[in-house]
Amino acid sequence: MKTKFLDYDVVKSVRSLNKNVPKGTLGAVLMVFESTNSRYEVEFVNDAGDSLAVLTVDEKDLELAQRVK
């Protein structure tokens, strides 16, 4: 199954995911769960690069910010 995002891609939340991860927060894809309808383990960070949260997120709640090759 092909997924929209790859490991280490930089993504942005398209909605608020919790109190620490508002809409527009950047994060890095840590793991792709292909067997669960394209869910991703993402570490979200603030502007200083400090970790805010590590969450399992549905594909629909993310957009690509930067493809890491």
N, C-alpha and C. Protein backbone atom coordinates (compact mmCIF):
# COMPACT_ATOMS: atom_id res chain seq x y z
N MET A 1 0.84 -1.18 0.00
CA MET A 1 0.00 0.00 0.00
C MET A 1 0.89 1.25 0.00
N LYS A 2 0.63 2.15 -0.91
CA LYS A 2 1.40 3.38 -1.00
C LYS A 2 0.82 4.42 -0.04
N THR A 3 1.70 5.10 0.68
CA THR A 3 1.26 6.11 1.63
C THR A 3 1.61 7.50 1.11
N LYS A 4 0.92 8.48 1.62
CA LYS A 4 1.12 9.87 1.20
C LYS A 4 2.43 10.44 1.72
N PHE A 5 2.83 10.03 2.93
CA PHE A 5 4.03 10.55 3.56
C PHE A 5 5.02 9.42 3.79
N LEU A 6 6.29 9.78 3.86
CA LEU A 6 7.37 8.82 4.07
C LEU A 6 8.06 9.11 5.40
N ASP A 7 8.81 8.13 5.91
CA ASP A 7 9.59 8.35 7.12
C ASP A 7 10.45 9.61 6.97
N TYR A 8 10.45 10.43 8.00
CA TYR A 8 11.26 11.65 8.11
C TYR A 8 10.74 12.84 7.31
N ASP A 9 9.62 12.68 6.58
CA ASP A 9 9.01 13.85 5.95
C ASP A 9 8.63 14.86 7.03
N VAL A 10 8.70 16.14 6.68
CA VAL A 10 8.22 17.19 7.57
C VAL A 10 6.77 17.46 7.18
N VAL A 11 5.89 17.39 8.17
CA VAL A 11 4.46 17.57 7.93
C VAL A 11 3.93 18.69 8.82
N LYS A 12 2.73 19.16 8.48
CA LYS A 12 2.08 20.21 9.25
C LYS A 12 0.67 19.75 9.60
N SER A 13 0.26 19.99 10.84
CA SER A 13 -1.10 19.63 11.24
C SER A 13 -2.10 20.58 10.57
N VAL A 14 -3.17 20.01 10.03
CA VAL A 14 -4.18 20.83 9.36
C VAL A 14 -5.33 21.20 10.30
N ARG A 15 -5.27 20.69 11.52
CA ARG A 15 -6.24 21.05 12.56
C ARG A 15 -5.55 20.91 13.92
N SER A 16 -6.14 21.46 14.93
CA SER A 16 -5.61 21.30 16.28
C SER A 16 -5.76 19.84 16.69
N LEU A 17 -4.66 19.22 17.14
CA LEU A 17 -4.69 17.81 17.52
C LEU A 17 -4.83 17.62 19.02
N ASN A 18 -4.35 18.57 19.79
CA ASN A 18 -4.55 18.64 21.24
C ASN A 18 -4.07 20.01 21.70
N LYS A 19 -4.05 20.25 23.01
CA LYS A 19 -3.69 21.59 23.51
C LYS A 19 -2.25 21.97 23.20
N ASN A 20 -1.38 20.98 23.00
CA ASN A 20 0.03 21.25 22.71
C ASN A 20 0.34 21.31 21.22
N VAL A 21 -0.59 20.84 20.39
CA VAL A 21 -0.35 20.77 18.94
C VAL A 21 -1.50 21.48 18.22
N PRO A 22 -1.41 22.82 18.12
CA PRO A 22 -2.44 23.56 17.40
C PRO A 22 -2.29 23.40 15.88
N LYS A 23 -3.30 23.82 15.17
CA LYS A 23 -3.27 23.81 13.71
C LYS A 23 -2.01 24.53 13.23
N GLY A 24 -1.33 23.94 12.24
CA GLY A 24 -0.15 24.56 11.66
C GLY A 24 1.17 24.15 12.29
N THR A 25 1.13 23.28 13.30
CA THR A 25 2.35 22.84 13.97
C THR A 25 3.13 21.88 13.08
N LEU A 26 4.45 22.08 12.99
CA LEU A 26 5.30 21.20 12.19
C LEU A 26 5.75 19.99 12.99
N GLY A 27 5.96 18.90 12.26
CA GLY A 27 6.45 17.68 12.89
C GLY A 27 7.17 16.82 11.88
N ALA A 28 7.81 15.77 12.37
CA ALA A 28 8.53 14.82 11.52
C ALA A 28 7.87 13.45 11.64
N VAL A 29 7.67 12.81 10.50
CA VAL A 29 7.12 11.45 10.49
C VAL A 29 8.19 10.50 11.02
N LEU A 30 7.88 9.82 12.10
CA LEU A 30 8.82 8.87 12.70
C LEU A 30 8.57 7.45 12.19
N MET A 31 7.29 7.16 11.90
CA MET A 31 6.93 5.80 11.49
C MET A 31 5.64 5.85 10.67
N VAL A 32 5.57 5.00 9.67
CA VAL A 32 4.37 4.86 8.84
C VAL A 32 3.70 3.54 9.20
N PHE A 33 2.42 3.60 9.55
CA PHE A 33 1.64 2.40 9.84
C PHE A 33 0.75 2.10 8.63
N GLU A 34 1.25 1.37 7.68
CA GLU A 34 0.51 1.09 6.44
C GLU A 34 -0.70 0.20 6.67
N SER A 35 -0.65 -0.64 7.66
CA SER A 35 -1.75 -1.59 7.87
C SER A 35 -2.95 -0.97 8.59
N THR A 36 -2.84 0.28 8.98
CA THR A 36 -3.93 0.93 9.73
C THR A 36 -4.48 2.13 8.97
N ASN A 37 -4.75 1.96 7.69
CA ASN A 37 -5.33 3.03 6.88
C ASN A 37 -4.51 4.31 6.91
N SER A 38 -3.22 4.16 6.72
CA SER A 38 -2.30 5.29 6.59
C SER A 38 -2.32 6.22 7.81
N ARG A 39 -1.87 5.68 8.91
CA ARG A 39 -1.65 6.48 10.12
C ARG A 39 -0.15 6.63 10.29
N TYR A 40 0.23 7.69 11.00
CA TYR A 40 1.64 8.04 11.12
C TYR A 40 1.97 8.39 12.56
N GLU A 41 3.15 7.97 13.00
CA GLU A 41 3.69 8.41 14.29
C GLU A 41 4.49 9.67 13.98
N VAL A 42 4.10 10.79 14.57
CA VAL A 42 4.71 12.09 14.25
C VAL A 42 5.18 12.76 15.53
N GLU A 43 6.41 13.29 15.49
CA GLU A 43 6.89 14.13 16.59
C GLU A 43 6.70 15.58 16.18
N PHE A 44 5.87 16.29 16.92
CA PHE A 44 5.61 17.71 16.66
C PHE A 44 6.55 18.56 17.51
N VAL A 45 7.00 19.67 16.93
CA VAL A 45 7.96 20.54 17.60
C VAL A 45 7.51 21.99 17.53
N ASN A 46 8.06 22.81 18.45
CA ASN A 46 7.79 24.25 18.40
C ASN A 46 8.83 24.93 17.51
N ASP A 47 8.76 26.25 17.42
CA ASP A 47 9.67 27.00 16.54
C ASP A 47 11.14 26.86 16.95
N ALA A 48 11.39 26.55 18.22
CA ALA A 48 12.77 26.37 18.70
C ALA A 48 13.27 24.94 18.49
N GLY A 49 12.38 24.07 17.99
CA GLY A 49 12.76 22.68 17.76
C GLY A 49 12.55 21.77 18.96
N ASP A 50 11.93 22.31 20.01
CA ASP A 50 11.65 21.50 21.20
C ASP A 50 10.43 20.62 20.95
N SER A 51 10.49 19.39 21.42
CA SER A 51 9.40 18.44 21.23
C SER A 51 8.16 18.87 22.01
N LEU A 52 7.01 18.85 21.33
CA LEU A 52 5.73 19.16 21.96
C LEU A 52 4.94 17.90 22.27
N ALA A 53 5.00 16.94 21.35
CA ALA A 53 4.24 15.70 21.52
C ALA A 53 4.64 14.71 20.43
N VAL A 54 4.48 13.44 20.74
CA VAL A 54 4.59 12.37 19.75
C VAL A 54 3.21 11.72 19.70
N LEU A 55 2.58 11.80 18.53
CA LEU A 55 1.20 11.33 18.37
C LEU A 55 1.07 10.41 17.17
N THR A 56 0.10 9.52 17.24
CA THR A 56 -0.30 8.74 16.07
C THR A 56 -1.43 9.51 15.41
N VAL A 57 -1.24 9.86 14.13
CA VAL A 57 -2.12 10.81 13.45
C VAL A 57 -2.64 10.21 12.15
N ASP A 58 -3.90 10.47 11.84
CA ASP A 58 -4.49 10.06 10.57
C ASP A 58 -3.95 10.92 9.43
N GLU A 59 -3.83 10.33 8.27
CA GLU A 59 -3.33 11.03 7.09
C GLU A 59 -4.11 12.31 6.79
N LYS A 60 -5.42 12.27 7.00
CA LYS A 60 -6.28 13.43 6.70
C LYS A 60 -5.97 14.65 7.57
N ASP A 61 -5.26 14.44 8.67
CA ASP A 61 -4.95 15.54 9.59
C ASP A 61 -3.59 16.17 9.35
N LEU A 62 -2.93 15.76 8.25
CA LEU A 62 -1.58 16.25 7.95
C LEU A 62 -1.48 16.73 6.51
N GLU A 63 -0.55 17.66 6.29
CA GLU A 63 -0.17 18.03 4.93
C GLU A 63 1.35 18.07 4.87
N LEU A 64 1.88 17.83 3.69
CA LEU A 64 3.33 17.80 3.50
C LEU A 64 3.89 19.22 3.56
N ALA A 65 4.92 19.41 4.38
CA ALA A 65 5.63 20.69 4.45
C ALA A 65 6.95 20.60 3.70
N GLN A 66 7.62 19.45 3.81
CA GLN A 66 8.90 19.25 3.11
C GLN A 66 9.17 17.77 2.97
N ARG A 67 9.49 17.35 1.76
CA ARG A 67 9.87 15.95 1.50
C ARG A 67 11.34 15.80 1.81
N VAL A 68 11.68 14.87 2.67
CA VAL A 68 13.07 14.59 3.00
C VAL A 68 13.51 13.41 2.15
N LYS A 69 14.57 13.62 1.39
CA LYS A 69 15.02 12.57 0.46
C LYS A 69 16.08 11.72 1.06
